[in-house]
Amino acid sequence: FPIDITFKSTNPFGWPQIVLSVYGPDFFGHDVVRGYGAVHVPFVPGRHKRTIAMFVPESTSRLQQLTSWFTGRRPEFTDPKVVAQGEGREVTRVRSQGFVTISFNVM
């Protein structure tokens, strides 16, 4: 999707990121999360291609996995900021779920 955004900053620390949340149907037709990922927006003019590693949160126990399978409610993040920040992610169990390639045209 084409996105037209203008940014202005005096400090490049924490430069804007694009956070992706990909959803899709599971075996039973429930809409479940297929992956999360984030990438920093490049600030150098030109065409940039970035590959984003996607991941999904995992249940911590077999009982939770079984319950989520029956109910169709898989683990997911309630706040998308968790994906963009590194704080607290070291204790979150996740599984790799493929890649998404995104192209930027920066002027």
PDB file of N, CA and C in Angstrom:
ATOM      1  N   PHE A   1       0.830  -1.161   0.000  1.00  0.00           N
ATOM      2  CA  PHE A   1       0.000   0.000   0.000  1.00  0.00           C
ATOM      3  C   PHE A   1       0.884   1.236   0.000  1.00  0.00           C
ATOM      4  N   PRO A   2       0.604   2.217  -0.817  1.00  0.00           N
ATOM      5  CA  PRO A   2       1.398   3.447  -0.777  1.00  0.00           C
ATOM      6  C   PRO A   2       1.054   4.266   0.466  1.00  0.00           C
ATOM      7  N   ILE A   3       2.084   4.717   1.158  1.00  0.00           N
ATOM      8  CA  ILE A   3       1.916   5.534   2.356  1.00  0.00           C
ATOM      9  C   ILE A   3       2.718   6.813   2.153  1.00  0.00           C
ATOM     10  N   ASP A   4       2.085   7.957   2.341  1.00  0.00           N
ATOM     11  CA  ASP A   4       2.756   9.246   2.193  1.00  0.00           C
ATOM     12  C   ASP A   4       2.820   9.897   3.568  1.00  0.00           C
ATOM     13  N   ILE A   5       4.042  10.042   4.116  1.00  0.00           N
ATOM     14  CA  ILE A   5       4.227  10.577   5.465  1.00  0.00           C
ATOM     15  C   ILE A   5       5.377  11.575   5.443  1.00  0.00           C
ATOM     16  N   THR A   6       5.265  12.619   6.256  1.00  0.00           N
ATOM     17  CA  THR A   6       6.344  13.586   6.417  1.00  0.00           C
ATOM     18  C   THR A   6       6.769  13.606   7.877  1.00  0.00           C
ATOM     19  N   PHE A   7       8.085  13.463   8.129  1.00  0.00           N
ATOM     20  CA  PHE A   7       8.622  13.484   9.487  1.00  0.00           C
ATOM     21  C   PHE A   7       9.582  14.645   9.645  1.00  0.00           C
ATOM     22  N   LYS A   8       9.606  15.214  10.843  1.00  0.00           N
ATOM     23  CA  LYS A   8      10.565  16.261  11.165  1.00  0.00           C
ATOM     24  C   LYS A   8      11.036  16.011  12.588  1.00  0.00           C
ATOM     25  N   SER A   9      12.363  16.039  12.771  1.00  0.00           N
ATOM     26  CA  SER A   9      12.893  15.767  14.095  1.00  0.00           C
ATOM     27  C   SER A   9      14.234  16.459  14.255  1.00  0.00           C
ATOM     28  N   THR A  10      14.556  16.818  15.486  1.00  0.00           N
ATOM     29  CA  THR A  10      15.871  17.379  15.782  1.00  0.00           C
ATOM     30  C   THR A  10      16.811  16.313  16.318  1.00  0.00           C
ATOM     31  N   ASN A  11      16.272  15.116  16.583  1.00  0.00           N
ATOM     32  CA  ASN A  11      17.048  14.032  17.158  1.00  0.00           C
ATOM     33  C   ASN A  11      16.635  12.719  16.496  1.00  0.00           C
ATOM     34  N   PRO A  12      17.550  12.015  15.822  1.00  0.00           N
ATOM     35  CA  PRO A  12      17.164  10.776  15.136  1.00  0.00           C
ATOM     36  C   PRO A  12      17.009   9.569  16.067  1.00  0.00           C
ATOM     37  N   PHE A  13      17.233   9.725  17.379  1.00  0.00           N
ATOM     38  CA  PHE A  13      17.096   8.593  18.307  1.00  0.00           C
ATOM     39  C   PHE A  13      15.646   8.120  18.323  1.00  0.00           C
ATOM     40  N   GLY A  14      15.446   6.821  18.210  1.00  0.00           N
ATOM     41  CA  GLY A  14      14.103   6.262  18.187  1.00  0.00           C
ATOM     42  C   GLY A  14      13.353   6.634  16.927  1.00  0.00           C
ATOM     43  N   TRP A  15      14.097   6.732  15.817  1.00  0.00           N
ATOM     44  CA  TRP A  15      13.513   7.116  14.534  1.00  0.00           C
ATOM     45  C   TRP A  15      12.251   6.319  14.277  1.00  0.00           C
ATOM     46  N   PRO A  16      11.283   6.884  13.619  1.00  0.00           N
ATOM     47  CA  PRO A  16      10.005   6.189  13.387  1.00  0.00           C
ATOM     48  C   PRO A  16      10.191   4.792  12.775  1.00  0.00           C
ATOM     49  N   GLN A  17       9.332   3.919  13.213  1.00  0.00           N
ATOM     50  CA  GLN A  17       9.341   2.541  12.730  1.00  0.00           C
ATOM     51  C   GLN A  17       7.980   2.206  12.143  1.00  0.00           C
ATOM     52  N   ILE A  18       7.986   1.266  11.243  1.00  0.00           N
ATOM     53  CA  ILE A  18       6.733   0.686  10.754  1.00  0.00           C
ATOM     54  C   ILE A  18       6.572  -0.645  11.465  1.00  0.00           C
ATOM     55  N   VAL A  19       5.426  -0.798  12.125  1.00  0.00           N
ATOM     56  CA  VAL A  19       5.125  -2.030  12.849  1.00  0.00           C
ATOM     57  C   VAL A  19       4.045  -2.764  12.064  1.00  0.00           C
ATOM     58  N   LEU A  20       4.313  -4.023  11.735  1.00  0.00           N
ATOM     59  CA  LEU A  20       3.359  -4.839  10.986  1.00  0.00           C
ATOM     60  C   LEU A  20       2.697  -5.852  11.906  1.00  0.00           C
ATOM     61  N   SER A  21       1.393  -5.990  11.771  1.00  0.00           N
ATOM     62  CA  SER A  21       0.620  -7.029  12.441  1.00  0.00           C
ATOM     63  C   SER A  21      -0.162  -7.741  11.351  1.00  0.00           C
ATOM     64  N   VAL A  22       0.174  -8.975  11.082  1.00  0.00           N
ATOM     65  CA  VAL A  22      -0.449  -9.734   9.996  1.00  0.00           C
ATOM     66  C   VAL A  22      -1.418 -10.750  10.589  1.00  0.00           C
ATOM     67  N   TYR A  23      -2.665 -10.719  10.118  1.00  0.00           N
ATOM     68  CA  TYR A  23      -3.697 -11.640  10.586  1.00  0.00           C
ATOM     69  C   TYR A  23      -4.209 -12.477   9.428  1.00  0.00           C
ATOM     70  N   GLY A  24      -4.718 -13.665   9.746  1.00  0.00           N
ATOM     71  CA  GLY A  24      -5.284 -14.535   8.728  1.00  0.00           C
ATOM     72  C   GLY A  24      -6.104 -15.639   9.372  1.00  0.00           C
ATOM     73  N   PRO A  25      -6.903 -16.344   8.583  1.00  0.00           N
ATOM     74  CA  PRO A  25      -7.747 -17.411   9.143  1.00  0.00           C
ATOM     75  C   PRO A  25      -6.933 -18.666   9.484  1.00  0.00           C
ATOM     76  N   ASP A  26      -7.353 -19.357  10.548  1.00  0.00           N
ATOM     77  CA  ASP A  26      -6.734 -20.630  10.899  1.00  0.00           C
ATOM     78  C   ASP A  26      -7.574 -21.767  10.301  1.00  0.00           C
ATOM     79  N   PHE A  27      -7.310 -22.995  10.713  1.00  0.00           N
ATOM     80  CA  PHE A  27      -7.984 -24.176  10.188  1.00  0.00           C
ATOM     81  C   PHE A  27      -9.497 -24.122  10.395  1.00  0.00           C
ATOM     82  N   PHE A  28      -9.937 -23.489  11.515  1.00  0.00           N
ATOM     83  CA  PHE A  28     -11.363 -23.421  11.841  1.00  0.00           C
ATOM     84  C   PHE A  28     -12.023 -22.138  11.349  1.00  0.00           C
ATOM     85  N   GLY A  29     -11.275 -21.271  10.659  1.00  0.00           N
ATOM     86  CA  GLY A  29     -11.836 -20.035  10.155  1.00  0.00           C
ATOM     87  C   GLY A  29     -11.735 -18.866  11.112  1.00  0.00           C
ATOM     88  N   HIS A  30     -11.085 -19.057  12.272  1.00  0.00           N
ATOM     89  CA  HIS A  30     -10.890 -17.955  13.216  1.00  0.00           C
ATOM     90  C   HIS A  30      -9.803 -17.024  12.698  1.00  0.00           C
ATOM     91  N   ASP A  31      -9.987 -15.723  12.892  1.00  0.00           N
ATOM     92  CA  ASP A  31      -8.987 -14.732  12.492  1.00  0.00           C
ATOM     93  C   ASP A  31      -7.912 -14.671  13.576  1.00  0.00           C
ATOM     94  N   VAL A  32      -6.719 -15.180  13.283  1.00  0.00           N
ATOM     95  CA  VAL A  32      -5.635 -15.242  14.267  1.00  0.00           C
ATOM     96  C   VAL A  32      -4.405 -14.507  13.743  1.00  0.00           C
ATOM     97  N   VAL A  33      -3.516 -14.149  14.666  1.00  0.00           N
ATOM     98  CA  VAL A  33      -2.295 -13.443  14.289  1.00  0.00           C
ATOM     99  C   VAL A  33      -1.361 -14.413  13.564  1.00  0.00           C
ATOM    100  N   ARG A  34      -0.819 -13.960  12.443  1.00  0.00           N
ATOM    101  CA  ARG A  34       0.123 -14.751  11.654  1.00  0.00           C
ATOM    102  C   ARG A  34       1.554 -14.268  11.834  1.00  0.00           C
ATOM    103  N   GLY A  35       1.718 -13.036  12.337  1.00  0.00           N
ATOM    104  CA  GLY A  35       3.065 -12.542  12.572  1.00  0.00           C
ATOM    105  C   GLY A  35       3.117 -11.074  12.926  1.00  0.00           C
ATOM    106  N   TYR A  36       4.166 -10.716  13.664  1.00  0.00           N
ATOM    107  CA  TYR A  36       4.472  -9.333  14.007  1.00  0.00           C
ATOM    108  C   TYR A  36       5.878  -9.037  13.529  1.00  0.00           C
ATOM    109  N   GLY A  37       6.137  -7.786  13.194  1.00  0.00           N
ATOM    110  CA  GLY A  37       7.472  -7.379  12.792  1.00  0.00           C
ATOM    111  C   GLY A  37       7.575  -5.866  12.792  1.00  0.00           C
ATOM    112  N   ALA A  38       8.808  -5.363  12.839  1.00  0.00           N
ATOM    113  CA  ALA A  38       9.035  -3.914  12.833  1.00  0.00           C
ATOM    114  C   ALA A  38      10.335  -3.613  12.103  1.00  0.00           C
ATOM    115  N   VAL A  39      10.390  -2.433  11.484  1.00  0.00           N
ATOM    116  CA  VAL A  39      11.596  -1.984  10.795  1.00  0.00           C
ATOM    117  C   VAL A  39      11.668  -0.466  10.914  1.00  0.00           C
ATOM    118  N   HIS A  40      12.896   0.059  11.043  1.00  0.00           N
ATOM    119  CA  HIS A  40      13.090   1.508  11.073  1.00  0.00           C
ATOM    120  C   HIS A  40      12.924   2.079   9.667  1.00  0.00           C
ATOM    121  N   VAL A  41      12.309   3.249   9.585  1.00  0.00           N
ATOM    122  CA  VAL A  41      12.132   3.932   8.307  1.00  0.00           C
ATOM    123  C   VAL A  41      13.468   4.568   7.918  1.00  0.00           C
ATOM    124  N   PRO A  42      13.991   4.285   6.733  1.00  0.00           N
ATOM    125  CA  PRO A  42      15.259   4.899   6.321  1.00  0.00           C
ATOM    126  C   PRO A  42      15.095   6.400   6.110  1.00  0.00           C
ATOM    127  N   PHE A  43      16.144   7.162   6.389  1.00  0.00           N
ATOM    128  CA  PHE A  43      16.061   8.609   6.224  1.00  0.00           C
ATOM    129  C   PHE A  43      16.996   9.136   5.150  1.00  0.00           C
ATOM    130  N   VAL A  44      17.674   8.264   4.426  1.00  0.00           N
ATOM    131  CA  VAL A  44      18.530   8.656   3.307  1.00  0.00           C
ATOM    132  C   VAL A  44      17.683   8.611   2.039  1.00  0.00           C
ATOM    133  N   PRO A  45      17.716   9.672   1.220  1.00  0.00           N
ATOM    134  CA  PRO A  45      16.905   9.665  -0.012  1.00  0.00           C
ATOM    135  C   PRO A  45      17.272   8.496  -0.926  1.00  0.00           C
ATOM    136  N   GLY A  46      16.257   7.974  -1.593  1.00  0.00           N
ATOM    137  CA  GLY A  46      16.463   6.883  -2.536  1.00  0.00           C
ATOM    138  C   GLY A  46      15.468   5.756  -2.324  1.00  0.00           C
ATOM    139  N   ARG A  47      15.682   4.682  -3.072  1.00  0.00           N
ATOM    140  CA  ARG A  47      14.820   3.502  -2.969  1.00  0.00           C
ATOM    141  C   ARG A  47      15.504   2.504  -2.041  1.00  0.00           C
ATOM    142  N   HIS A  48      14.765   2.053  -1.019  1.00  0.00           N
ATOM    143  CA  HIS A  48      15.309   1.134  -0.026  1.00  0.00           C
ATOM    144  C   HIS A  48      14.400  -0.084   0.082  1.00  0.00           C
ATOM    145  N   LYS A  49      15.005  -1.238   0.174  1.00  0.00           N
ATOM    146  CA  LYS A  49      14.265  -2.489   0.307  1.00  0.00           C
ATOM    147  C   LYS A  49      14.674  -3.128   1.632  1.00  0.00           C
ATOM    148  N   ARG A  50      13.712  -3.429   2.484  1.00  0.00           N
ATOM    149  CA  ARG A  50      13.980  -4.032   3.787  1.00  0.00           C
ATOM    150  C   ARG A  50      13.199  -5.333   3.923  1.00  0.00           C
ATOM    151  N   THR A  51      13.843  -6.323   4.512  1.00  0.00           N
ATOM    152  CA  THR A  51      13.196  -7.591   4.809  1.00  0.00           C
ATOM    153  C   THR A  51      12.948  -7.647   6.304  1.00  0.00           C
ATOM    154  N   ILE A  52      11.697  -7.864   6.693  1.00  0.00           N
ATOM    155  CA  ILE A  52      11.297  -7.861   8.093  1.00  0.00           C
ATOM    156  C   ILE A  52      11.066  -9.299   8.534  1.00  0.00           C
ATOM    157  N   ALA A  53      11.781  -9.721   9.573  1.00  0.00           N
ATOM    158  CA  ALA A  53      11.570 -11.044  10.155  1.00  0.00           C
ATOM    159  C   ALA A  53      10.293 -11.007  10.999  1.00  0.00           C
ATOM    160  N   MET A  54       9.374 -11.888  10.716  1.00  0.00           N
ATOM    161  CA  MET A  54       8.099 -11.932  11.433  1.00  0.00           C
ATOM    162  C   MET A  54       8.154 -12.992  12.529  1.00  0.00           C
ATOM    163  N   PHE A  55       7.407 -12.760  13.610  1.00  0.00           N
ATOM    164  CA  PHE A  55       7.344 -13.706  14.718  1.00  0.00           C
ATOM    165  C   PHE A  55       5.955 -13.687  15.331  1.00  0.00           C
ATOM    166  N   VAL A  56       5.603 -14.757  16.032  1.00  0.00           N
ATOM    167  CA  VAL A  56       4.327 -14.846  16.747  1.00  0.00           C
ATOM    168  C   VAL A  56       4.597 -15.261  18.194  1.00  0.00           C
ATOM    169  N   PRO A  57       3.815 -14.732  19.147  1.00  0.00           N
ATOM    170  CA  PRO A  57       3.973 -15.151  20.536  1.00  0.00           C
ATOM    171  C   PRO A  57       3.508 -16.593  20.723  1.00  0.00           C
ATOM    172  N   GLU A  58       4.148 -17.288  21.645  1.00  0.00           N
ATOM    173  CA  GLU A  58       3.822 -18.679  21.945  1.00  0.00           C
ATOM    174  C   GLU A  58       3.222 -18.792  23.341  1.00  0.00           C
ATOM    175  N   SER A  59       2.365 -19.777  23.554  1.00  0.00           N
ATOM    176  CA  SER A  59       1.865 -20.079  24.897  1.00  0.00           C
ATOM    177  C   SER A  59       3.005 -20.649  25.730  1.00  0.00           C
ATOM    178  N   THR A  60       2.942 -20.425  27.036  1.00  0.00           N
ATOM    179  CA  THR A  60       4.037 -20.864  27.897  1.00  0.00           C
ATOM    180  C   THR A  60       3.867 -22.282  28.418  1.00  0.00           C
ATOM    181  N   SER A  61       2.670 -22.845  28.336  1.00  0.00           N
ATOM    182  CA  SER A  61       2.465 -24.207  28.838  1.00  0.00           C
ATOM    183  C   SER A  61       1.616 -25.010  27.857  1.00  0.00           C
ATOM    184  N   ARG A  62       1.664 -26.316  27.987  1.00  0.00           N
ATOM    185  CA  ARG A  62       0.864 -27.204  27.122  1.00  0.00           C
ATOM    186  C   ARG A  62      -0.631 -26.988  27.335  1.00  0.00           C
ATOM    187  N   LEU A  63      -1.033 -26.727  28.594  1.00  0.00           N
ATOM    188  CA  LEU A  63      -2.442 -26.497  28.895  1.00  0.00           C
ATOM    189  C   LEU A  63      -2.942 -25.237  28.185  1.00  0.00           C
ATOM    190  N   GLN A  64      -2.149 -24.174  28.204  1.00  0.00           N
ATOM    191  CA  GLN A  64      -2.525 -22.950  27.504  1.00  0.00           C
ATOM    192  C   GLN A  64      -2.577 -23.175  25.991  1.00  0.00           C
ATOM    193  N   GLN A  65      -1.667 -23.966  25.450  1.00  0.00           N
ATOM    194  CA  GLN A  65      -1.689 -24.271  24.018  1.00  0.00           C
ATOM    195  C   GLN A  65      -2.956 -25.024  23.644  1.00  0.00           C
ATOM    196  N   LEU A  66      -3.323 -26.005  24.448  1.00  0.00           N
ATOM    197  CA  LEU A  66      -4.529 -26.791  24.191  1.00  0.00           C
ATOM    198  C   LEU A  66      -5.778 -25.925  24.300  1.00  0.00           C
ATOM    199  N   THR A  67      -5.841 -25.099  25.327  1.00  0.00           N
ATOM    200  CA  THR A  67      -6.993 -24.212  25.518  1.00  0.00           C
ATOM    201  C   THR A  67      -7.122 -23.229  24.369  1.00  0.00           C
ATOM    202  N   SER A  68      -6.013 -22.639  23.942  1.00  0.00           N
ATOM    203  CA  SER A  68      -6.083 -21.674  22.840  1.00  0.00           C
ATOM    204  C   SER A  68      -6.458 -22.359  21.528  1.00  0.00           C
ATOM    205  N   TRP A  69      -6.064 -23.606  21.342  1.00  0.00           N
ATOM    206  CA  TRP A  69      -6.430 -24.336  20.128  1.00  0.00           C
ATOM    207  C   TRP A  69      -7.935 -24.585  20.080  1.00  0.00           C
ATOM    208  N   PHE A  70      -8.530 -24.982  21.231  1.00  0.00           N
ATOM    209  CA  PHE A  70      -9.969 -25.244  21.276  1.00  0.00           C
ATOM    210  C   PHE A  70     -10.799 -23.974  21.155  1.00  0.00           C
ATOM    211  N   THR A  71     -10.367 -22.902  21.801  1.00  0.00           N
ATOM    212  CA  THR A  71     -11.150 -21.665  21.795  1.00  0.00           C
ATOM    213  C   THR A  71     -10.898 -20.801  20.568  1.00  0.00           C
ATOM    214  N   GLY A  72      -9.795 -21.032  19.872  1.00  0.00           N
ATOM    215  CA  GLY A  72      -9.454 -20.218  18.715  1.00  0.00           C
ATOM    216  C   GLY A  72      -8.828 -18.888  19.083  1.00  0.00           C
ATOM    217  N   ARG A  73      -8.498 -18.686  20.338  1.00  0.00           N
ATOM    218  CA  ARG A  73      -7.870 -17.449  20.816  1.00  0.00           C
ATOM    219  C   ARG A  73      -6.396 -17.730  21.072  1.00  0.00           C
ATOM    220  N   ARG A  74      -5.556 -17.392  20.112  1.00  0.00           N
ATOM    221  CA  ARG A  74      -4.120 -17.586  20.226  1.00  0.00           C
ATOM    222  C   ARG A  74      -3.495 -16.408  20.957  1.00  0.00           C
ATOM    223  N   PRO A  75      -2.302 -16.576  21.528  1.00  0.00           N
ATOM    224  CA  PRO A  75      -1.637 -15.442  22.194  1.00  0.00           C
ATOM    225  C   PRO A  75      -1.330 -14.332  21.189  1.00  0.00           C
ATOM    226  N   GLU A  76      -1.569 -13.102  21.600  1.00  0.00           N
ATOM    227  CA  GLU A  76      -1.232 -11.955  20.767  1.00  0.00           C
ATOM    228  C   GLU A  76      -0.949 -10.755  21.665  1.00  0.00           C
ATOM    229  N   PHE A  77      -0.227  -9.782  21.138  1.00  0.00           N
ATOM    230  CA  PHE A  77       0.110  -8.583  21.882  1.00  0.00           C
ATOM    231  C   PHE A  77      -1.085  -7.635  21.877  1.00  0.00           C
ATOM    232  N   THR A  78      -1.378  -7.032  23.029  1.00  0.00           N
ATOM    233  CA  THR A  78      -2.473  -6.064  23.103  1.00  0.00           C
ATOM    234  C   THR A  78      -2.015  -4.671  22.706  1.00  0.00           C
ATOM    235  N   ASP A  79      -0.705  -4.402  22.823  1.00  0.00           N
ATOM    236  CA  ASP A  79      -0.157  -3.094  22.485  1.00  0.00           C
ATOM    237  C   ASP A  79       0.911  -3.262  21.412  1.00  0.00           C
ATOM    238  N   PRO A  80       0.759  -2.632  20.243  1.00  0.00           N
ATOM    239  CA  PRO A  80       1.759  -2.797  19.179  1.00  0.00           C
ATOM    240  C   PRO A  80       3.118  -2.187  19.519  1.00  0.00           C
ATOM    241  N   LYS A  81       3.192  -1.342  20.551  1.00  0.00           N
ATOM    242  CA  LYS A  81       4.474  -0.770  20.959  1.00  0.00           C
ATOM    243  C   LYS A  81       5.441  -1.839  21.447  1.00  0.00           C
ATOM    244  N   VAL A  82       4.923  -2.960  21.914  1.00  0.00           N
ATOM    245  CA  VAL A  82       5.777  -4.055  22.384  1.00  0.00           C
ATOM    246  C   VAL A  82       6.673  -4.549  21.262  1.00  0.00           C
ATOM    247  N   VAL A  83       6.158  -4.561  20.044  1.00  0.00           N
ATOM    248  CA  VAL A  83       6.919  -5.037  18.891  1.00  0.00           C
ATOM    249  C   VAL A  83       8.049  -4.069  18.553  1.00  0.00           C
ATOM    250  N   ALA A  84       7.799  -2.765  18.671  1.00  0.00           N
ATOM    251  CA  ALA A  84       8.779  -1.748  18.292  1.00  0.00           C
ATOM    252  C   ALA A  84       9.847  -1.525  19.348  1.00  0.00           C
ATOM    253  N   GLN A  85       9.553  -1.837  20.597  1.00  0.00           N
ATOM    254  CA  GLN A  85      10.510  -1.611  21.672  1.00  0.00           C
ATOM    255  C   GLN A  85      11.183  -2.903  22.077  1.00  0.00           C
ATOM    256  N   GLY A  86      12.369  -2.799  22.617  1.00  0.00           N
ATOM    257  CA  GLY A  86      13.091  -3.977  23.075  1.00  0.00           C
ATOM    258  C   GLY A  86      12.813  -4.324  24.522  1.00  0.00           C
ATOM    259  N   GLU A  87      12.242  -3.374  25.267  1.00  0.00           N
ATOM    260  CA  GLU A  87      12.014  -3.577  26.694  1.00  0.00           C
ATOM    261  C   GLU A  87      10.969  -4.658  26.940  1.00  0.00           C
ATOM    262  N   GLY A  88      11.310  -5.636  27.781  1.00  0.00           N
ATOM    263  CA  GLY A  88      10.374  -6.674  28.165  1.00  0.00           C
ATOM    264  C   GLY A  88      10.230  -7.807  27.181  1.00  0.00           C
ATOM    265  N   ARG A  89      10.842  -7.696  26.005  1.00  0.00           N
ATOM    266  CA  ARG A  89      10.688  -8.760  25.006  1.00  0.00           C
ATOM    267  C   ARG A  89      11.556  -9.965  25.299  1.00  0.00           C
ATOM    268  N   GLU A  90      12.571  -9.810  26.145  1.00  0.00           N
ATOM    269  CA  GLU A  90      13.456 -10.941  26.417  1.00  0.00           C
ATOM    270  C   GLU A  90      12.755 -12.041  27.213  1.00  0.00           C
ATOM    271  N   VAL A  91      11.632 -11.731  27.856  1.00  0.00           N
ATOM    272  CA  VAL A  91      10.903 -12.739  28.620  1.00  0.00           C
ATOM    273  C   VAL A  91       9.698 -13.286  27.857  1.00  0.00           C
ATOM    274  N   THR A  92       9.469 -12.782  26.649  1.00  0.00           N
ATOM    275  CA  THR A  92       8.347 -13.234  25.839  1.00  0.00           C
ATOM    276  C   THR A  92       8.790 -14.385  24.947  1.00  0.00           C
ATOM    277  N   ARG A  93       8.061 -15.487  24.999  1.00  0.00           N
ATOM    278  CA  ARG A  93       8.368 -16.634  24.150  1.00  0.00           C
ATOM    279  C   ARG A  93       7.727 -16.420  22.783  1.00  0.00           C
ATOM    280  N   VAL A  94       8.564 -16.435  21.728  1.00  0.00           N
ATOM    281  CA  VAL A  94       8.071 -16.229  20.365  1.00  0.00           C
ATOM    282  C   VAL A  94       8.624 -17.301  19.441  1.00  0.00           C
ATOM    283  N   ARG A  95       7.987 -17.424  18.280  1.00  0.00           N
ATOM    284  CA  ARG A  95       8.417 -18.370  17.261  1.00  0.00           C
ATOM    285  C   ARG A  95       8.544 -17.620  15.946  1.00  0.00           C
ATOM    286  N   SER A  96       9.580 -17.898  15.184  1.00  0.00           N
ATOM    287  CA  SER A  96       9.785 -17.268  13.889  1.00  0.00           C
ATOM    288  C   SER A  96       8.679 -17.697  12.932  1.00  0.00           C
ATOM    289  N   GLN A  97       8.214 -16.745  12.099  1.00  0.00           N
ATOM    290  CA  GLN A  97       7.075 -17.035  11.241  1.00  0.00           C
ATOM    291  C   GLN A  97       7.256 -16.476   9.837  1.00  0.00           C
ATOM    292  N   GLY A  98       8.467 -16.475   9.323  1.00  0.00           N
ATOM    293  CA  GLY A  98       8.676 -16.034   7.950  1.00  0.00           C
ATOM    294  C   GLY A  98       9.164 -14.605   7.838  1.00  0.00           C
ATOM    295  N   PHE A  99       9.064 -14.065   6.606  1.00  0.00           N
ATOM    296  CA  PHE A  99       9.586 -12.739   6.313  1.00  0.00           C
ATOM    297  C   PHE A  99       8.610 -11.955   5.455  1.00  0.00           C
ATOM    298  N   VAL A 100       8.670 -10.624   5.564  1.00  0.00           N
ATOM    299  CA  VAL A 100       7.916  -9.711   4.716  1.00  0.00           C
ATOM    300  C   VAL A 100       8.924  -8.729   4.136  1.00  0.00           C
ATOM    301  N   THR A 101       8.865  -8.478   2.831  1.00  0.00           N
ATOM    302  CA  THR A 101       9.762  -7.523   2.193  1.00  0.00           C
ATOM    303  C   THR A 101       8.968  -6.249   1.901  1.00  0.00           C
ATOM    304  N   ILE A 102       9.549  -5.108   2.283  1.00  0.00           N
ATOM    305  CA  ILE A 102       8.890  -3.823   2.106  1.00  0.00           C
ATOM    306  C   ILE A 102       9.863  -2.896   1.359  1.00  0.00           C
ATOM    307  N   SER A 103       9.319  -2.048   0.505  1.00  0.00           N
ATOM    308  CA  SER A 103      10.116  -1.139  -0.295  1.00  0.00           C
ATOM    309  C   SER A 103       9.763   0.295   0.066  1.00  0.00           C
ATOM    310  N   PHE A 104      10.802   1.133   0.298  1.00  0.00           N
ATOM    311  CA  PHE A 104      10.623   2.548   0.631  1.00  0.00           C
ATOM    312  C   PHE A 104      11.164   3.398  -0.510  1.00  0.00           C
ATOM    313  N   ASN A 105      10.462   4.454  -0.853  1.00  0.00           N
ATOM    314  CA  ASN A 105      10.944   5.488  -1.766  1.00  0.00           C
ATOM    315  C   ASN A 105      11.014   6.776  -0.956  1.00  0.00           C
ATOM    316  N   VAL A 106      12.215   7.158  -0.565  1.00  0.00           N
ATOM    317  CA  VAL A 106      12.412   8.312   0.320  1.00  0.00           C
ATOM    318  C   VAL A 106      12.910   9.498  -0.505  1.00  0.00           C
ATOM    319  N   MET A 107      12.277  10.666  -0.280  1.00  0.00           N
ATOM    320  CA  MET A 107      12.700  11.889  -0.972  1.00  0.00           C
ATOM    321  C   MET A 107      13.293  12.850   0.027  1.00  0.00           C
TER     322      MET A 107
END
